[in-house]
């Protein structure tokens, strides 16, 4: 079986993409900067529910400076994939050290590049029912 991230594999498996996203979100909660630097492209951008745009540098700096997320629950993932891109969408329950909980649709776009698979865009859209858990 081929490594899904190798050039010989034309399309990553859904399991590979799911594992990649879970690895990235776990690293965000754990503040694992080595993993985060490897999994976020230099031109990465996050768009928050309020419309604020974080560059890779600003996002990783915020995470490094102190606990940013205290939890990240992932709902059922819907995955689209091609040889060079993968998009993941799911309902998420994000917990912050302040006690705030945000339930949102979360979308991540990954691209395969010279450094392997990296997140290039993330966007969260808050759901009205903020107390619910991801489905």
Protein backbone atom coordinates (compact mmCIF):
# COMPACT_ATOMS: atom_id res chain seq x y z
CA UNK A 1 0.00 0.00 0.00
CA UNK A 2 1.31 3.46 -0.91
CA UNK A 3 1.77 6.26 1.57
CA UNK A 4 -1.22 8.59 0.92
CA UNK A 5 1.08 11.62 1.15
CA UNK A 6 3.60 10.35 -1.38
CA UNK A 7 3.64 11.63 -4.97
CA UNK A 8 2.75 8.12 -6.19
CA UNK A 9 -0.64 8.30 -4.47
CA UNK A 10 -2.93 10.39 -6.65
CA UNK A 11 -5.63 11.02 -4.03
CA UNK A 12 -5.29 10.79 -0.23
CA UNK A 13 -7.67 8.45 1.52
CA UNK A 14 -10.48 9.88 3.64
CA UNK A 15 -8.85 8.25 6.66
CA UNK A 16 -5.56 10.04 5.92
CA UNK A 17 -7.35 13.43 5.74
CA UNK A 18 -9.39 12.71 8.89
CA UNK A 19 -6.22 11.74 10.79
CA UNK A 20 -4.43 14.84 9.51
CA UNK A 21 -7.24 17.10 10.75
CA UNK A 22 -7.40 15.38 14.14
CA UNK A 23 -3.62 15.69 14.47
CA UNK A 24 -3.81 19.42 13.67
CA UNK A 25 -6.67 20.14 16.10
CA UNK A 26 -5.00 18.13 18.89
CA UNK A 27 -1.79 20.13 18.33
CA UNK A 28 -3.80 23.37 18.61
CA UNK A 29 -5.20 22.38 22.01
CA UNK A 30 -1.85 20.95 23.20
CA UNK A 31 0.09 23.97 21.88
CA UNK A 32 2.45 21.62 20.02
CA UNK A 33 4.27 24.27 18.00
CA UNK A 34 6.50 21.81 16.14
CA UNK A 35 3.47 19.99 14.75
CA UNK A 36 1.61 23.25 14.10
CA UNK A 37 4.51 24.73 12.14
CA UNK A 38 4.68 21.57 10.02
CA UNK A 39 0.92 21.45 9.35
CA UNK A 40 0.29 25.14 8.50
CA UNK A 41 1.49 26.52 5.18
CA UNK A 42 3.49 29.78 5.20
CA UNK A 43 0.52 31.61 3.61
CA UNK A 44 -2.07 30.03 5.96
CA UNK A 45 -5.07 32.14 6.98
CA UNK A 46 -7.79 31.64 9.56
CA UNK A 47 -11.05 33.56 9.32
CA UNK A 48 -12.85 33.61 12.66
CA UNK A 49 -16.65 33.71 13.13
CA UNK A 50 -16.37 37.47 13.74
CA UNK A 51 -14.53 37.95 10.44
CA UNK A 52 -11.08 38.55 11.89
CA UNK A 53 -8.25 37.25 9.69
CA UNK A 54 -5.24 35.60 11.32
CA UNK A 55 -2.07 34.96 9.32
CA UNK A 56 -0.06 31.85 10.15
CA UNK A 57 2.41 33.97 12.10
CA UNK A 58 -0.29 35.73 14.14
CA UNK A 59 -2.24 32.52 14.83
CA UNK A 60 0.77 30.48 15.93
CA UNK A 61 2.06 33.40 18.02
CA UNK A 62 -1.31 33.62 19.81
CA UNK A 63 -1.21 29.90 20.54
CA UNK A 64 2.40 30.06 21.70
CA UNK A 65 1.82 33.01 24.03
CA UNK A 66 -0.72 31.18 26.20
CA UNK A 67 -3.50 28.62 26.15
CA UNK A 68 -5.74 29.48 23.21
CA UNK A 69 -8.10 26.47 23.09
CA UNK A 70 -8.95 24.28 26.08
CA UNK A 71 -10.84 21.77 23.95
CA UNK A 72 -11.81 20.99 20.36
CA UNK A 73 -14.54 18.42 19.71
CA UNK A 74 -14.93 17.25 16.13
CA UNK A 75 -18.24 16.11 14.67
CA UNK A 76 -18.72 13.91 11.63
CA UNK A 77 -16.37 15.02 8.87
CA UNK A 78 -17.36 15.59 5.28
CA UNK A 79 -14.24 15.31 3.14
CA UNK A 80 -13.56 16.29 -0.46
CA UNK A 81 -10.20 15.37 -1.92
CA UNK A 82 -8.12 15.45 -5.06
CA UNK A 83 -4.46 14.72 -5.78
CA UNK A 84 -3.35 18.17 -4.57
CA UNK A 85 -6.14 19.38 -2.25
CA UNK A 86 -8.38 18.16 0.53
CA UNK A 87 -11.23 20.04 2.19
CA UNK A 88 -12.71 19.03 5.53
CA UNK A 89 -15.99 20.37 6.94
CA UNK A 90 -17.63 19.44 10.22
CA UNK A 91 -19.47 20.81 13.23
CA UNK A 92 -17.04 21.59 16.01
CA UNK A 93 -17.33 22.55 19.65
CA UNK A 94 -14.43 24.82 20.56
CA UNK A 95 -13.72 25.52 24.21
CA UNK A 96 -11.63 28.46 25.37
CA UNK A 97 -9.79 28.95 28.68
CA UNK A 98 -12.21 31.79 29.52
CA UNK A 99 -15.01 29.21 29.67
CA UNK A 100 -16.55 30.38 26.39
CA UNK A 101 -17.81 27.61 24.13
CA UNK A 102 -18.27 28.12 20.42
CA UNK A 103 -20.26 25.66 18.33
CA UNK A 104 -19.54 26.20 14.67
CA UNK A 105 -19.21 24.83 11.20
CA UNK A 106 -15.48 24.47 10.70
CA UNK A 107 -13.82 24.14 7.30
CA UNK A 108 -10.15 23.47 6.60
CA UNK A 109 -8.51 23.44 3.20
CA UNK A 110 -5.28 21.46 2.81
CA UNK A 111 -2.84 21.44 -0.08
CA UNK A 112 -0.08 19.01 -0.93
CA UNK A 113 3.20 20.87 -1.38
CA UNK A 114 6.93 20.38 -1.06
CA UNK A 115 6.53 20.17 2.74
CA UNK A 116 3.71 17.59 2.52
CA UNK A 117 0.06 18.21 3.34
CA UNK A 118 -0.52 21.57 5.04
CA UNK A 119 -3.55 23.62 6.02
CA UNK A 120 -3.85 26.76 3.87
CA UNK A 121 -7.26 28.13 4.90
CA UNK A 122 -9.51 27.68 7.91
CA UNK A 123 -12.89 29.24 8.50
CA UNK A 124 -15.41 28.93 11.32
CA UNK A 125 -19.05 29.98 11.20
CA UNK A 126 -20.83 30.12 14.55
CA UNK A 127 -24.09 28.19 14.92
CA UNK A 128 -27.04 29.75 16.72
CA UNK A 129 -27.39 26.80 19.12
CA UNK A 130 -24.10 27.42 20.94
CA UNK A 131 -24.83 24.92 23.72
CA UNK A 132 -25.20 21.88 21.50
CA UNK A 133 -22.54 19.29 20.83
CA UNK A 134 -21.22 18.43 17.38
CA UNK A 135 -23.20 15.80 15.47
